[in-house]
Amino acid sequence: MSKRKARRQKRGQGDDLVQVDIFYLPKQVAEMYRVLREAVAEEMTHLLKEHYPTVKRISDNPQEGEALVGYDDQDQEQFRYYLNPTNISNAQRAREKETLNIYIESLIND
């Protein structure tokens, strides 16, 4: 394959982006990412409820995207975890090691 043809193919791959929240991901990984993101968010919500009486999923920051937010008894925000690709990847690694609760505790105590 010529270099020119290879460059054209690479350029064309960027056209197949799908928006997930505020992020643009390659079409091939977008659906898998959505499923993983939902699984991580659900499990984290469950674990965060052990620490905070109220946990909500909100989108109030257009630069950061959707987040899980933990509130205390006075409805004051105490914890925020953005559901961006890097954070989802970190949380998934903890899920795979069955240490998501430890990961969350480290974030809370940070």
PDB file of N, CA and C in Angstrom:
ATOM      1  N   MET A   1       0.853  -1.170   0.000  1.00  0.00           N
ATOM      2  CA  MET A   1       0.000   0.000   0.000  1.00  0.00           C
ATOM      3  C   MET A   1       0.901   1.236   0.000  1.00  0.00           C
ATOM      4  N   SER A   2       0.577   2.182  -0.828  1.00  0.00           N
ATOM      5  CA  SER A   2       1.383   3.395  -0.909  1.00  0.00           C
ATOM      6  C   SER A   2       1.162   4.258   0.331  1.00  0.00           C
ATOM      7  N   LYS A   3       2.153   5.116   0.609  1.00  0.00           N
ATOM      8  CA  LYS A   3       2.050   6.008   1.769  1.00  0.00           C
ATOM      9  C   LYS A   3       0.867   6.952   1.629  1.00  0.00           C
ATOM     10  N   ARG A   4       0.631   7.413   0.403  1.00  0.00           N
ATOM     11  CA  ARG A   4      -0.464   8.355   0.166  1.00  0.00           C
ATOM     12  C   ARG A   4      -1.809   7.704   0.481  1.00  0.00           C
ATOM     13  N   LYS A   5      -1.983   6.466   0.044  1.00  0.00           N
ATOM     14  CA  LYS A   5      -3.241   5.765   0.289  1.00  0.00           C
ATOM     15  C   LYS A   5      -3.430   5.507   1.791  1.00  0.00           C
ATOM     16  N   ALA A   6      -2.357   5.131   2.471  1.00  0.00           N
ATOM     17  CA  ALA A   6      -2.434   4.878   3.911  1.00  0.00           C
ATOM     18  C   ALA A   6      -2.824   6.149   4.656  1.00  0.00           C
ATOM     19  N   ARG A   7      -2.271   7.300   4.239  1.00  0.00           N
ATOM     20  CA  ARG A   7      -2.616   8.563   4.883  1.00  0.00           C
ATOM     21  C   ARG A   7      -4.091   8.892   4.707  1.00  0.00           C
ATOM     22  N   ARG A   8      -4.614   8.634   3.510  1.00  0.00           N
ATOM     23  CA  ARG A   8      -6.032   8.898   3.250  1.00  0.00           C
ATOM     24  C   ARG A   8      -6.914   8.035   4.139  1.00  0.00           C
ATOM     25  N   GLN A   9      -6.536   6.779   4.312  1.00  0.00           N
ATOM     26  CA  GLN A   9      -7.330   5.890   5.153  1.00  0.00           C
ATOM     27  C   GLN A   9      -7.317   6.367   6.603  1.00  0.00           C
ATOM     28  N   LYS A  10      -6.159   6.786   7.097  1.00  0.00           N
ATOM     29  CA  LYS A  10      -6.076   7.279   8.470  1.00  0.00           C
ATOM     30  C   LYS A  10      -6.929   8.523   8.639  1.00  0.00           C
ATOM     31  N   ARG A  11      -6.873   9.428   7.669  1.00  0.00           N
ATOM     32  CA  ARG A  11      -7.664  10.648   7.742  1.00  0.00           C
ATOM     33  C   ARG A  11      -9.149  10.325   7.773  1.00  0.00           C
ATOM     34  N   GLY A  12      -9.580   9.372   7.007  1.00  0.00           N
ATOM     35  CA  GLY A  12     -10.986   8.998   6.946  1.00  0.00           C
ATOM     36  C   GLY A  12     -11.490   8.391   8.236  1.00  0.00           C
ATOM     37  N   GLN A  13     -10.612   7.782   9.010  1.00  0.00           N
ATOM     38  CA  GLN A  13     -11.030   7.162  10.264  1.00  0.00           C
ATOM     39  C   GLN A  13     -11.519   8.191  11.269  1.00  0.00           C
ATOM     40  N   GLY A  14     -11.000   9.409  11.226  1.00  0.00           N
ATOM     41  CA  GLY A  14     -11.407  10.451  12.150  1.00  0.00           C
ATOM     42  C   GLY A  14     -12.826  10.927  11.917  1.00  0.00           C
ATOM     43  N   ASP A  15     -13.371  10.600  10.758  1.00  0.00           N
ATOM     44  CA  ASP A  15     -14.725  11.035  10.433  1.00  0.00           C
ATOM     45  C   ASP A  15     -15.776  10.227  11.178  1.00  0.00           C
ATOM     46  N   ASP A  16     -15.441   9.059  11.688  1.00  0.00           N
ATOM     47  CA  ASP A  16     -16.403   8.172  12.337  1.00  0.00           C
ATOM     48  C   ASP A  16     -16.381   8.342  13.854  1.00  0.00           C
ATOM     49  N   LEU A  17     -16.612   9.567  14.312  1.00  0.00           N
ATOM     50  CA  LEU A  17     -16.638   9.826  15.747  1.00  0.00           C
ATOM     51  C   LEU A  17     -18.078   9.925  16.221  1.00  0.00           C
ATOM     52  N   VAL A  18     -18.299   9.454  17.439  1.00  0.00           N
ATOM     53  CA  VAL A  18     -19.626   9.467  18.047  1.00  0.00           C
ATOM     54  C   VAL A  18     -19.513  10.240  19.358  1.00  0.00           C
ATOM     55  N   GLN A  19     -20.497  11.082  19.637  1.00  0.00           N
ATOM     56  CA  GLN A  19     -20.475  11.845  20.877  1.00  0.00           C
ATOM     57  C   GLN A  19     -21.117  11.042  22.005  1.00  0.00           C
ATOM     58  N   VAL A  20     -20.374  10.917  23.102  1.00  0.00           N
ATOM     59  CA  VAL A  20     -20.865  10.294  24.330  1.00  0.00           C
ATOM     60  C   VAL A  20     -20.633  11.328  25.422  1.00  0.00           C
ATOM     61  N   ASP A  21     -21.724  11.871  25.955  1.00  0.00           N
ATOM     62  CA  ASP A  21     -21.652  12.987  26.897  1.00  0.00           C
ATOM     63  C   ASP A  21     -20.965  14.131  26.160  1.00  0.00           C
ATOM     64  N   ILE A  22     -19.836  14.656  26.660  1.00  0.00           N
ATOM     65  CA  ILE A  22     -19.161  15.741  25.953  1.00  0.00           C
ATOM     66  C   ILE A  22     -17.957  15.235  25.162  1.00  0.00           C
ATOM     67  N   PHE A  23     -17.749  13.937  25.122  1.00  0.00           N
ATOM     68  CA  PHE A  23     -16.567  13.358  24.508  1.00  0.00           C
ATOM     69  C   PHE A  23     -16.887  12.765  23.144  1.00  0.00           C
ATOM     70  N   TYR A  24     -15.937  12.902  22.213  1.00  0.00           N
ATOM     71  CA  TYR A  24     -16.067  12.298  20.893  1.00  0.00           C
ATOM     72  C   TYR A  24     -15.136  11.094  20.844  1.00  0.00           C
ATOM     73  N   LEU A  25     -15.726   9.936  20.596  1.00  0.00           N
ATOM     74  CA  LEU A  25     -14.977   8.682  20.585  1.00  0.00           C
ATOM     75  C   LEU A  25     -15.125   8.011  19.230  1.00  0.00           C
ATOM     76  N   PRO A  26     -14.122   7.212  18.842  1.00  0.00           N
ATOM     77  CA  PRO A  26     -14.268   6.454  17.597  1.00  0.00           C
ATOM     78  C   PRO A  26     -15.506   5.567  17.664  1.00  0.00           C
ATOM     79  N   LYS A  27     -16.197   5.483  16.554  1.00  0.00           N
ATOM     80  CA  LYS A  27     -17.458   4.741  16.488  1.00  0.00           C
ATOM     81  C   LYS A  27     -17.300   3.303  16.990  1.00  0.00           C
ATOM     82  N   GLN A  28     -16.157   2.678  16.678  1.00  0.00           N
ATOM     83  CA  GLN A  28     -15.940   1.277  17.059  1.00  0.00           C
ATOM     84  C   GLN A  28     -15.926   1.074  18.570  1.00  0.00           C
ATOM     85  N   VAL A  29     -15.515   2.078  19.331  1.00  0.00           N
ATOM     86  CA  VAL A  29     -15.421   1.906  20.784  1.00  0.00           C
ATOM     87  C   VAL A  29     -16.536   2.612  21.555  1.00  0.00           C
ATOM     88  N   ALA A  30     -17.298   3.452  20.892  1.00  0.00           N
ATOM     89  CA  ALA A  30     -18.301   4.271  21.585  1.00  0.00           C
ATOM     90  C   ALA A  30     -19.350   3.432  22.308  1.00  0.00           C
ATOM     91  N   GLU A  31     -19.889   2.419  21.665  1.00  0.00           N
ATOM     92  CA  GLU A  31     -20.940   1.618  22.303  1.00  0.00           C
ATOM     93  C   GLU A  31     -20.386   0.827  23.483  1.00  0.00           C
ATOM     94  N   MET A  32     -19.200   0.251  23.311  1.00  0.00           N
ATOM     95  CA  MET A  32     -18.573  -0.482  24.409  1.00  0.00           C
ATOM     96  C   MET A  32     -18.305   0.474  25.580  1.00  0.00           C
ATOM     97  N   TYR A  33     -17.852   1.683  25.270  1.00  0.00           N
ATOM     98  CA  TYR A  33     -17.588   2.678  26.309  1.00  0.00           C
ATOM     99  C   TYR A  33     -18.877   3.054  27.039  1.00  0.00           C
ATOM    100  N   ARG A  34     -19.970   3.223  26.296  1.00  0.00           N
ATOM    101  CA  ARG A  34     -21.261   3.561  26.928  1.00  0.00           C
ATOM    102  C   ARG A  34     -21.674   2.491  27.937  1.00  0.00           C
ATOM    103  N   VAL A  35     -21.555   1.237  27.527  1.00  0.00           N
ATOM    104  CA  VAL A  35     -21.939   0.122  28.404  1.00  0.00           C
ATOM    105  C   VAL A  35     -21.042   0.099  29.644  1.00  0.00           C
ATOM    106  N   LEU A  36     -19.749   0.233  29.437  1.00  0.00           N
ATOM    107  CA  LEU A  36     -18.796   0.232  30.552  1.00  0.00           C
ATOM    108  C   LEU A  36     -19.057   1.415  31.483  1.00  0.00           C
ATOM    109  N   ARG A  37     -19.306   2.565  30.911  1.00  0.00           N
ATOM    110  CA  ARG A  37     -19.571   3.782  31.687  1.00  0.00           C
ATOM    111  C   ARG A  37     -20.807   3.608  32.572  1.00  0.00           C
ATOM    112  N   GLU A  38     -21.851   3.014  32.013  1.00  0.00           N
ATOM    113  CA  GLU A  38     -23.077   2.784  32.788  1.00  0.00           C
ATOM    114  C   GLU A  38     -22.831   1.794  33.921  1.00  0.00           C
ATOM    115  N   ALA A  39     -22.090   0.727  33.633  1.00  0.00           N
ATOM    116  CA  ALA A  39     -21.805  -0.279  34.662  1.00  0.00           C
ATOM    117  C   ALA A  39     -20.986   0.328  35.800  1.00  0.00           C
ATOM    118  N   VAL A  40     -19.963   1.101  35.444  1.00  0.00           N
ATOM    119  CA  VAL A  40     -19.128   1.747  36.459  1.00  0.00           C
ATOM    120  C   VAL A  40     -19.961   2.739  37.270  1.00  0.00           C
ATOM    121  N   ALA A  41     -20.761   3.550  36.589  1.00  0.00           N
ATOM    122  CA  ALA A  41     -21.577   4.560  37.278  1.00  0.00           C
ATOM    123  C   ALA A  41     -22.567   3.911  38.244  1.00  0.00           C
ATOM    124  N   GLU A  42     -23.199   2.830  37.824  1.00  0.00           N
ATOM    125  CA  GLU A  42     -24.157   2.139  38.699  1.00  0.00           C
ATOM    126  C   GLU A  42     -23.476   1.577  39.939  1.00  0.00           C
ATOM    127  N   GLU A  43     -22.349   0.905  39.730  1.00  0.00           N
ATOM    128  CA  GLU A  43     -21.658   0.304  40.869  1.00  0.00           C
ATOM    129  C   GLU A  43     -21.099   1.375  41.804  1.00  0.00           C
ATOM    130  N   MET A  44     -20.547   2.439  41.229  1.00  0.00           N
ATOM    131  CA  MET A  44     -20.028   3.519  42.067  1.00  0.00           C
ATOM    132  C   MET A  44     -21.148   4.203  42.844  1.00  0.00           C
ATOM    133  N   THR A  45     -22.297   4.401  42.210  1.00  0.00           N
ATOM    134  CA  THR A  45     -23.437   5.015  42.897  1.00  0.00           C
ATOM    135  C   THR A  45     -23.821   4.179  44.111  1.00  0.00           C
ATOM    136  N   HIS A  46     -23.902   2.878  43.917  1.00  0.00           N
ATOM    137  CA  HIS A  46     -24.245   1.969  45.019  1.00  0.00           C
ATOM    138  C   HIS A  46     -23.231   2.093  46.164  1.00  0.00           C
ATOM    139  N   LEU A  47     -21.944   2.089  45.832  1.00  0.00           N
ATOM    140  CA  LEU A  47     -20.912   2.169  46.866  1.00  0.00           C
ATOM    141  C   LEU A  47     -20.855   3.553  47.514  1.00  0.00           C
ATOM    142  N   LEU A  48     -21.094   4.601  46.742  1.00  0.00           N
ATOM    143  CA  LEU A  48     -21.078   5.952  47.308  1.00  0.00           C
ATOM    144  C   LEU A  48     -22.221   6.167  48.295  1.00  0.00           C
ATOM    145  N   LYS A  49     -23.331   5.454  48.098  1.00  0.00           N
ATOM    146  CA  LYS A  49     -24.466   5.589  49.016  1.00  0.00           C
ATOM    147  C   LYS A  49     -24.136   5.055  50.410  1.00  0.00           C
ATOM    148  N   GLU A  50     -23.059   4.297  50.535  1.00  0.00           N
ATOM    149  CA  GLU A  50     -22.599   3.859  51.853  1.00  0.00           C
ATOM    150  C   GLU A  50     -21.940   5.013  52.613  1.00  0.00           C
ATOM    151  N   HIS A  51     -21.520   6.053  51.884  1.00  0.00           N
ATOM    152  CA  HIS A  51     -20.821   7.195  52.481  1.00  0.00           C
ATOM    153  C   HIS A  51     -21.659   8.470  52.521  1.00  0.00           C
ATOM    154  N   TYR A  52     -22.591   8.586  51.598  1.00  0.00           N
ATOM    155  CA  TYR A  52     -23.391   9.813  51.464  1.00  0.00           C
ATOM    156  C   TYR A  52     -24.869   9.459  51.378  1.00  0.00           C
ATOM    157  N   PRO A  53     -25.725  10.195  52.097  1.00  0.00           N
ATOM    158  CA  PRO A  53     -27.159   9.887  52.064  1.00  0.00           C
ATOM    159  C   PRO A  53     -27.795  10.107  50.690  1.00  0.00           C
ATOM    160  N   THR A  54     -27.232  11.034  49.922  1.00  0.00           N
ATOM    161  CA  THR A  54     -27.772  11.303  48.591  1.00  0.00           C
ATOM    162  C   THR A  54     -26.643  11.277  47.575  1.00  0.00           C
ATOM    163  N   VAL A  55     -26.847  10.532  46.497  1.00  0.00           N
ATOM    164  CA  VAL A  55     -25.899  10.497  45.382  1.00  0.00           C
ATOM    165  C   VAL A  55     -26.699  10.752  44.117  1.00  0.00           C
ATOM    166  N   LYS A  56     -26.254  11.750  43.354  1.00  0.00           N
ATOM    167  CA  LYS A  56     -26.943  12.104  42.113  1.00  0.00           C
ATOM    168  C   LYS A  56     -25.968  12.075  40.946  1.00  0.00           C
ATOM    169  N   ARG A  57     -26.533  11.855  39.785  1.00  0.00           N
ATOM    170  CA  ARG A  57     -25.779  11.916  38.538  1.00  0.00           C
ATOM    171  C   ARG A  57     -26.192  13.221  37.867  1.00  0.00           C
ATOM    172  N   ILE A  58     -25.246  14.149  37.719  1.00  0.00           N
ATOM    173  CA  ILE A  58     -25.592  15.465  37.198  1.00  0.00           C
ATOM    174  C   ILE A  58     -24.681  15.884  36.046  1.00  0.00           C
ATOM    175  N   SER A  59     -25.162  16.836  35.275  1.00  0.00           N
ATOM    176  CA  SER A  59     -24.400  17.428  34.168  1.00  0.00           C
ATOM    177  C   SER A  59     -24.502  18.942  34.295  1.00  0.00           C
ATOM    178  N   ASP A  60     -23.735  19.521  35.194  1.00  0.00           N
ATOM    179  CA  ASP A  60     -23.812  20.967  35.381  1.00  0.00           C
ATOM    180  C   ASP A  60     -22.543  21.702  34.971  1.00  0.00           C
ATOM    181  N   ASN A  61     -21.576  20.979  34.412  1.00  0.00           N
ATOM    182  CA  ASN A  61     -20.327  21.591  33.981  1.00  0.00           C
ATOM    183  C   ASN A  61     -20.045  21.183  32.538  1.00  0.00           C
ATOM    184  N   PRO A  62     -20.298  22.083  31.575  1.00  0.00           N
ATOM    185  CA  PRO A  62     -20.132  21.718  30.166  1.00  0.00           C
ATOM    186  C   PRO A  62     -18.694  21.374  29.776  1.00  0.00           C
ATOM    187  N   GLN A  63     -17.701  21.822  30.553  1.00  0.00           N
ATOM    188  CA  GLN A  63     -16.311  21.475  30.238  1.00  0.00           C
ATOM    189  C   GLN A  63     -15.932  20.083  30.735  1.00  0.00           C
ATOM    190  N   GLU A  64     -16.588  19.611  31.768  1.00  0.00           N
ATOM    191  CA  GLU A  64     -16.222  18.331  32.377  1.00  0.00           C
ATOM    192  C   GLU A  64     -17.199  17.202  32.071  1.00  0.00           C
ATOM    193  N   GLY A  65     -18.430  17.530  31.768  1.00  0.00           N
ATOM    194  CA  GLY A  65     -19.415  16.497  31.474  1.00  0.00           C
ATOM    195  C   GLY A  65     -20.113  15.979  32.721  1.00  0.00           C
ATOM    196  N   GLU A  66     -20.724  14.821  32.575  1.00  0.00           N
ATOM    197  CA  GLU A  66     -21.539  14.231  33.640  1.00  0.00           C
ATOM    198  C   GLU A  66     -20.676  13.772  34.821  1.00  0.00           C
ATOM    199  N   ALA A  67     -21.260  13.853  36.026  1.00  0.00           N
ATOM    200  CA  ALA A  67     -20.536  13.467  37.240  1.00  0.00           C
ATOM    201  C   ALA A  67     -21.466  12.781  38.224  1.00  0.00           C
ATOM    202  N   LEU A  68     -20.866  11.974  39.092  1.00  0.00           N
ATOM    203  CA  LEU A  68     -21.564  11.443  40.265  1.00  0.00           C
ATOM    204  C   LEU A  68     -21.232  12.381  41.418  1.00  0.00           C
ATOM    205  N   VAL A  69     -22.265  12.816  42.129  1.00  0.00           N
ATOM    206  CA  VAL A  69     -22.056  13.776  43.211  1.00  0.00           C
ATOM    207  C   VAL A  69     -22.683  13.229  44.488  1.00  0.00           C
ATOM    208  N   GLY A  70     -21.891  13.226  45.565  1.00  0.00           N
ATOM    209  CA  GLY A  70     -22.370  12.797  46.870  1.00  0.00           C
ATOM    210  C   GLY A  70     -22.662  14.003  47.744  1.00  0.00           C
ATOM    211  N   TYR A  71     -23.829  13.981  48.414  1.00  0.00           N
ATOM    212  CA  TYR A  71     -24.267  15.087  49.268  1.00  0.00           C
ATOM    213  C   TYR A  71     -24.423  14.602  50.701  1.00  0.00           C
ATOM    214  N   ASP A  72     -24.156  15.515  51.646  1.00  0.00           N
ATOM    215  CA  ASP A  72     -24.349  15.189  53.062  1.00  0.00           C
ATOM    216  C   ASP A  72     -25.807  15.416  53.470  1.00  0.00           C
ATOM    217  N   ASP A  73     -26.081  15.289  54.776  1.00  0.00           N
ATOM    218  CA  ASP A  73     -27.448  15.444  55.295  1.00  0.00           C
ATOM    219  C   ASP A  73     -28.040  16.833  55.063  1.00  0.00           C
ATOM    220  N   GLN A  74     -27.176  17.839  54.948  1.00  0.00           N
ATOM    221  CA  GLN A  74     -27.645  19.207  54.711  1.00  0.00           C
ATOM    222  C   GLN A  74     -27.699  19.533  53.216  1.00  0.00           C
ATOM    223  N   ASP A  75     -27.597  18.514  52.391  1.00  0.00           N
ATOM    224  CA  ASP A  75     -27.634  18.641  50.931  1.00  0.00           C
ATOM    225  C   ASP A  75     -26.471  19.475  50.385  1.00  0.00           C
ATOM    226  N   GLN A  76     -25.332  19.409  51.069  1.00  0.00           N
ATOM    227  CA  GLN A  76     -24.120  20.086  50.619  1.00  0.00           C
ATOM    228  C   GLN A  76     -23.246  19.083  49.873  1.00  0.00           C
ATOM    229  N   GLU A  77     -22.731  19.498  48.734  1.00  0.00           N
ATOM    230  CA  GLU A  77     -21.873  18.610  47.945  1.00  0.00           C
ATOM    231  C   GLU A  77     -20.598  18.292  48.720  1.00  0.00           C
ATOM    232  N   GLN A  78     -20.293  16.990  48.807  1.00  0.00           N
ATOM    233  CA  GLN A  78     -19.099  16.531  49.511  1.00  0.00           C
ATOM    234  C   GLN A  78     -18.125  15.785  48.603  1.00  0.00           C
ATOM    235  N   PHE A  79     -18.627  15.299  47.483  1.00  0.00           N
ATOM    236  CA  PHE A  79     -17.806  14.457  46.605  1.00  0.00           C
ATOM    237  C   PHE A  79     -18.303  14.607  45.176  1.00  0.00           C
ATOM    238  N   ARG A  80     -17.358  14.659  44.221  1.00  0.00           N
ATOM    239  CA  ARG A  80     -17.718  14.730  42.802  1.00  0.00           C
ATOM    240  C   ARG A  80     -16.732  13.861  42.020  1.00  0.00           C
ATOM    241  N   TYR A  81     -17.278  13.028  41.150  1.00  0.00           N
ATOM    242  CA  TYR A  81     -16.465  12.142  40.315  1.00  0.00           C
ATOM    243  C   TYR A  81     -16.969  12.256  38.883  1.00  0.00           C
ATOM    244  N   TYR A  82     -16.156  12.866  38.022  1.00  0.00           N
ATOM    245  CA  TYR A  82     -16.554  13.041  36.628  1.00  0.00           C
ATOM    246  C   TYR A  82     -16.462  11.719  35.878  1.00  0.00           C
ATOM    247  N   LEU A  83     -17.459  11.471  35.060  1.00  0.00           N
ATOM    248  CA  LEU A  83     -17.521  10.223  34.287  1.00  0.00           C
ATOM    249  C   LEU A  83     -16.847  10.416  32.932  1.00  0.00           C
ATOM    250  N   ASN A  84     -15.578  10.799  32.971  1.00  0.00           N
ATOM    251  CA  ASN A  84     -14.815  10.982  31.738  1.00  0.00           C
ATOM    252  C   ASN A  84     -14.042   9.703  31.416  1.00  0.00           C
ATOM    253  N   PRO A  85     -13.523   9.578  30.210  1.00  0.00           N
ATOM    254  CA  PRO A  85     -12.842   8.329  29.835  1.00  0.00           C
ATOM    255  C   PRO A  85     -11.702   7.926  30.774  1.00  0.00           C
ATOM    256  N   THR A  86     -10.918   8.875  31.243  1.00  0.00           N
ATOM    257  CA  THR A  86      -9.811   8.533  32.145  1.00  0.00           C
ATOM    258  C   THR A  86     -10.330   7.982  33.468  1.00  0.00           C
ATOM    259  N   ASN A  87     -11.308   8.655  34.055  1.00  0.00           N
ATOM    260  CA  ASN A  87     -11.863   8.184  35.330  1.00  0.00           C
ATOM    261  C   ASN A  87     -12.571   6.846  35.182  1.00  0.00           C
ATOM    262  N   ILE A  88     -13.289   6.662  34.083  1.00  0.00           N
ATOM    263  CA  ILE A  88     -13.963   5.377  33.852  1.00  0.00           C
ATOM    264  C   ILE A  88     -12.929   4.268  33.739  1.00  0.00           C
ATOM    265  N   SER A  89     -11.833   4.539  33.043  1.00  0.00           N
ATOM    266  CA  SER A  89     -10.766   3.546  32.905  1.00  0.00           C
ATOM    267  C   SER A  89     -10.162   3.198  34.267  1.00  0.00           C
ATOM    268  N   ASN A  90      -9.902   4.208  35.088  1.00  0.00           N
ATOM    269  CA  ASN A  90      -9.349   3.961  36.431  1.00  0.00           C
ATOM    270  C   ASN A  90     -10.314   3.151  37.290  1.00  0.00           C
ATOM    271  N   ALA A  91     -11.578   3.521  37.257  1.00  0.00           N
ATOM    272  CA  ALA A  91     -12.579   2.796  38.049  1.00  0.00           C
ATOM    273  C   ALA A  91     -12.747   1.367  37.542  1.00  0.00           C
ATOM    274  N   GLN A  92     -12.685   1.180  36.232  1.00  0.00           N
ATOM    275  CA  GLN A  92     -12.829  -0.169  35.678  1.00  0.00           C
ATOM    276  C   GLN A  92     -11.663  -1.056  36.107  1.00  0.00           C
ATOM    277  N   ARG A  93     -10.460  -0.497  36.128  1.00  0.00           N
ATOM    278  CA  ARG A  93      -9.312  -1.278  36.604  1.00  0.00           C
ATOM    279  C   ARG A  93      -9.544  -1.730  38.044  1.00  0.00           C
ATOM    280  N   ALA A  94     -10.073  -0.841  38.862  1.00  0.00           N
ATOM    281  CA  ALA A  94     -10.380  -1.200  40.258  1.00  0.00           C
ATOM    282  C   ALA A  94     -11.481  -2.257  40.312  1.00  0.00           C
ATOM    283  N   ARG A  95     -12.483  -2.139  39.439  1.00  0.00           N
ATOM    284  CA  ARG A  95     -13.562  -3.150  39.397  1.00  0.00           C
ATOM    285  C   ARG A  95     -12.992  -4.519  39.049  1.00  0.00           C
ATOM    286  N   GLU A  96     -12.104  -4.549  38.063  1.00  0.00           N
ATOM    287  CA  GLU A  96     -11.518  -5.823  37.632  1.00  0.00           C
ATOM    288  C   GLU A  96     -10.731  -6.483  38.755  1.00  0.00           C
ATOM    289  N   LYS A  97     -10.096  -5.676  39.588  1.00  0.00           N
ATOM    290  CA  LYS A  97      -9.336  -6.200  40.730  1.00  0.00           C
ATOM    291  C   LYS A  97     -10.219  -6.392  41.962  1.00  0.00           C
ATOM    292  N   GLU A  98     -11.511  -6.082  41.813  1.00  0.00           N
ATOM    293  CA  GLU A  98     -12.473  -6.150  42.913  1.00  0.00           C
ATOM    294  C   GLU A  98     -12.059  -5.256  44.077  1.00  0.00           C
ATOM    295  N   THR A  99     -11.533  -4.072  43.737  1.00  0.00           N
ATOM    296  CA  THR A  99     -11.109  -3.103  44.749  1.00  0.00           C
ATOM    297  C   THR A  99     -11.762  -1.734  44.528  1.00  0.00           C
ATOM    298  N   LEU A 100     -12.930  -1.712  43.902  1.00  0.00           N
ATOM    299  CA  LEU A 100     -13.587  -0.434  43.639  1.00  0.00           C
ATOM    300  C   LEU A 100     -13.910   0.299  44.940  1.00  0.00           C
ATOM    301  N   ASN A 101     -14.300  -0.449  45.967  1.00  0.00           N
ATOM    302  CA  ASN A 101     -14.590   0.198  47.256  1.00  0.00           C
ATOM    303  C   ASN A 101     -13.345   0.872  47.837  1.00  0.00           C
ATOM    304  N   ILE A 102     -12.192   0.246  47.692  1.00  0.00           N
ATOM    305  CA  ILE A 102     -10.932   0.829  48.172  1.00  0.00           C
ATOM    306  C   ILE A 102     -10.577   2.060  47.343  1.00  0.00           C
ATOM    307  N   TYR A 103     -10.782   1.972  46.035  1.00  0.00           N
ATOM    308  CA  TYR A 103     -10.529   3.101  45.138  1.00  0.00           C
ATOM    309  C   TYR A 103     -11.394   4.296  45.543  1.00  0.00           C
ATOM    310  N   ILE A 104     -12.666   4.058  45.796  1.00  0.00           N
ATOM    311  CA  ILE A 104     -13.581   5.134  46.196  1.00  0.00           C
ATOM    312  C   ILE A 104     -13.155   5.729  47.537  1.00  0.00           C
ATOM    313  N   GLU A 105     -12.801   4.872  48.484  1.00  0.00           N
ATOM    314  CA  GLU A 105     -12.344   5.363  49.795  1.00  0.00           C
ATOM    315  C   GLU A 105     -11.119   6.258  49.636  1.00  0.00           C
ATOM    316  N   SER A 106     -10.199   5.875  48.747  1.00  0.00           N
ATOM    317  CA  SER A 106      -9.004   6.699  48.543  1.00  0.00           C
ATOM    318  C   SER A 106      -9.370   8.057  47.943  1.00  0.00           C
ATOM    319  N   LEU A 107     -10.372   8.092  47.080  1.00  0.00           N
ATOM    320  CA  LEU A 107     -10.824   9.366  46.507  1.00  0.00           C
ATOM    321  C   LEU A 107     -11.497  10.233  47.566  1.00  0.00           C
ATOM    322  N   ILE A 108     -12.297   9.615  48.405  1.00  0.00           N
ATOM    323  CA  ILE A 108     -13.016  10.350  49.450  1.00  0.00           C
ATOM    324  C   ILE A 108     -12.031  10.936  50.464  1.00  0.00           C
ATOM    325  N   ASN A 109     -11.023  10.157  50.817  1.00  0.00           N
ATOM    326  CA  ASN A 109     -10.067  10.580  51.843  1.00  0.00           C
ATOM    327  C   ASN A 109      -8.948  11.458  51.307  1.00  0.00           C
ATOM    328  N   ASP A 110      -8.942  11.695  50.027  1.00  0.00           N
ATOM    329  CA  ASP A 110      -7.888  12.503  49.409  1.00  0.00           C
ATOM    330  C   ASP A 110      -8.008  13.965  49.694  1.00  0.00           C
TER     331      ASP A 110
END
